[in-house]
Amino acid sequence: MGLEEMSISVLVETSEKAKELELDNDFINILEEALKKRYIHQ
């Protein structure tokens, strides 16, 4: 499953968890960019 197939709520949850776990900033940025694209296309 690609990021474009994930629901907005799953992307938000994943992004928040990634921040909480202090994962790589590049990964967090990718999630946030995917979120922005999803919000724009709604």
N, C-alpha and C. Protein backbone atom coordinates (compact mmCIF):
# COMPACT_ATOMS: atom_id res chain seq x y z
N MET A 1 0.85 -1.18 0.00
CA MET A 1 0.00 0.00 0.00
C MET A 1 0.89 1.24 0.00
N GLY A 2 0.66 2.11 -0.95
CA GLY A 2 1.41 3.35 -1.03
C GLY A 2 0.77 4.45 -0.20
N LEU A 3 1.51 5.51 0.03
CA LEU A 3 0.99 6.63 0.83
C LEU A 3 -0.26 7.24 0.21
N GLU A 4 -0.31 7.24 -1.13
CA GLU A 4 -1.46 7.84 -1.81
C GLU A 4 -2.74 7.04 -1.57
N GLU A 5 -2.60 5.79 -1.14
CA GLU A 5 -3.76 4.94 -0.89
C GLU A 5 -4.23 4.99 0.57
N MET A 6 -3.44 5.61 1.43
CA MET A 6 -3.79 5.67 2.85
C MET A 6 -4.79 6.80 3.10
N SER A 7 -5.68 6.57 4.05
CA SER A 7 -6.65 7.60 4.39
C SER A 7 -5.94 8.73 5.14
N ILE A 8 -6.58 9.88 5.16
CA ILE A 8 -6.01 11.04 5.85
C ILE A 8 -5.80 10.73 7.33
N SER A 9 -6.78 10.07 7.94
CA SER A 9 -6.66 9.77 9.38
C SER A 9 -5.47 8.86 9.67
N VAL A 10 -5.21 7.91 8.78
CA VAL A 10 -4.06 7.02 8.97
C VAL A 10 -2.76 7.79 8.79
N LEU A 11 -2.72 8.68 7.81
CA LEU A 11 -1.52 9.50 7.61
C LEU A 11 -1.25 10.39 8.82
N VAL A 12 -2.30 10.99 9.36
CA VAL A 12 -2.16 11.86 10.54
C VAL A 12 -1.64 11.04 11.72
N GLU A 13 -2.26 9.89 11.95
CA GLU A 13 -1.86 9.02 13.05
C GLU A 13 -0.41 8.58 12.90
N THR A 14 -0.03 8.19 11.70
CA THR A 14 1.33 7.74 11.44
C THR A 14 2.33 8.86 11.64
N SER A 15 1.98 10.05 11.17
CA SER A 15 2.86 11.20 11.33
C SER A 15 3.06 11.54 12.81
N GLU A 16 1.98 11.55 13.57
CA GLU A 16 2.07 11.85 15.00
C GLU A 16 2.91 10.80 15.72
N LYS A 17 2.71 9.54 15.39
CA LYS A 17 3.47 8.46 16.03
C LYS A 17 4.94 8.55 15.65
N ALA A 18 5.24 8.89 14.40
CA ALA A 18 6.62 9.05 13.96
C ALA A 18 7.32 10.16 14.74
N LYS A 19 6.60 11.26 14.98
CA LYS A 19 7.17 12.36 15.77
C LYS A 19 7.39 11.92 17.21
N GLU A 20 6.41 11.21 17.76
CA GLU A 20 6.50 10.72 19.14
C GLU A 20 7.70 9.80 19.32
N LEU A 21 7.93 8.95 18.33
CA LEU A 21 9.05 8.01 18.39
C LEU A 21 10.36 8.62 17.92
N GLU A 22 10.30 9.90 17.55
CA GLU A 22 11.47 10.64 17.08
C GLU A 22 12.15 9.93 15.91
N LEU A 23 11.32 9.50 14.96
CA LEU A 23 11.86 8.86 13.76
C LEU A 23 12.51 9.90 12.86
N ASP A 24 13.15 9.42 11.82
CA ASP A 24 13.87 10.27 10.88
C ASP A 24 13.00 11.41 10.34
N ASN A 25 13.53 12.61 10.35
CA ASN A 25 12.78 13.78 9.87
C ASN A 25 12.39 13.66 8.40
N ASP A 26 13.22 13.02 7.60
CA ASP A 26 12.87 12.82 6.19
C ASP A 26 11.59 11.99 6.06
N PHE A 27 11.46 10.96 6.88
CA PHE A 27 10.26 10.13 6.88
C PHE A 27 9.04 10.95 7.29
N ILE A 28 9.18 11.75 8.32
CA ILE A 28 8.08 12.60 8.80
C ILE A 28 7.70 13.60 7.71
N ASN A 29 8.68 14.17 7.05
CA ASN A 29 8.41 15.13 5.97
C ASN A 29 7.66 14.48 4.81
N ILE A 30 8.02 13.25 4.49
CA ILE A 30 7.32 12.53 3.42
C ILE A 30 5.86 12.32 3.80
N LEU A 31 5.61 11.94 5.04
CA LEU A 31 4.23 11.76 5.51
C LEU A 31 3.45 13.07 5.44
N GLU A 32 4.08 14.15 5.89
CA GLU A 32 3.39 15.45 5.89
C GLU A 32 3.12 15.95 4.47
N GLU A 33 4.03 15.69 3.54
CA GLU A 33 3.80 16.06 2.14
C GLU A 33 2.63 15.26 1.56
N ALA A 34 2.58 13.98 1.90
CA ALA A 34 1.46 13.15 1.44
C ALA A 34 0.14 13.68 1.99
N LEU A 35 0.16 14.13 3.24
CA LEU A 35 -1.04 14.71 3.85
C LEU A 35 -1.48 15.97 3.12
N LYS A 36 -0.52 16.83 2.83
CA LYS A 36 -0.85 18.07 2.11
C LYS A 36 -1.48 17.76 0.76
N LYS A 37 -0.93 16.80 0.06
CA LYS A 37 -1.47 16.42 -1.25
C LYS A 37 -2.89 15.88 -1.11
N ARG A 38 -3.14 15.11 -0.07
CA ARG A 38 -4.48 14.54 0.14
C ARG A 38 -5.48 15.64 0.44
N TYR A 39 -5.08 16.63 1.26
CA TYR A 39 -5.99 17.73 1.60
C TYR A 39 -6.32 18.56 0.36
N ILE A 40 -5.35 18.76 -0.51
CA ILE A 40 -5.55 19.56 -1.72
C ILE A 40 -6.50 18.85 -2.67
N HIS A 41 -6.42 17.53 -2.76
CA HIS A 41 -7.22 16.78 -3.73
C HIS A 41 -8.61 16.42 -3.23
N GLN A 42 -8.97 16.88 -2.06
CA GLN A 42 -10.32 16.57 -1.55
C GLN A 42 -11.32 17.56 -2.04
